[in-house]
Every structure is written in C-alpha cells, then in structure tokens.
C-alpha cells in the first residue's frame, strides 16, 4: 500500500530538486562493485527504488544508512532542504528476490516506474535511473 501511494506521488517530493536527485544517484553509484552489485535503481520524486546483490561484508541496513547520511550531508551543504530536515523515512522496505526471471521483472518495474507514473515517456528519458545510466554515457560500465 505504501509503495502504491509513493508511486502515485503522495508524500514529500524532496527529490524533485535536481541536485537532490543527482546526489542520491551519485551515492548509489559510488559503492557499486565494492559494497554491493548494483542491478537497477530509480530516484523518484518521493522515494527511491534500488535493486542490489548484497555481499556478506555489508548488510543492507548499513548500506541504506550510508546512502541516507551521505545524501543528507550533501543536501544540507547545498541547503536543498530546510535546516535539520530530512527527506528520508526512518525505515525502508526490503524484499528478497530469487531467480533470474524475478530479478528481470523487478528491474523492469523499477526502470518503468517513471513511465507508469507519468513522469517520463520512456525509461531512458528519466535522468535518475539505471535505464539512463550515466556511467554508460561516460564510456564506463
């Protein structure tokens, strides 16, 4: 129910600020290959979807905590939110995904989220998504 409400654009739209969305995306990309293997992501105006393959050394709770603290610090430095204000919920939801077919389905859902919610015409038209991976534009994979 919460996912449907967030996808419908309900909630604080803190990530509509381009610099805030870009900061979140930078942080998600920063530890790819070190703390986790990033499969898909999408920064939406009210929430973020991320699909990763975890490593034994980095529990998901620690990874999410690092994303939240680093992006909040970057946003506060640029005064993107009110002083002491955070766009992040205290918790996050986590779902275990099993099998290649389910991974493909979830990846597709994540990348089509902006299209389904009327924010972009195609997944590639949304700047903050694995469908429009900035690393590929820079010649990196």
Foldseek 3Di string as FASTA:
>chain_A
DVVVCVLLVPDQQLCVPPVLLVLLLCLVPVCDPPQWPWDKKFDGRQDIDTDTHGDPVHDPVNSVVVSQVRSVVVCVVVVSDPVVDGSDDPDDDDDDADDPVRSVVVRVCRLCSCCVNVNDVHSCRHCRIPVVDVCVVVVHD
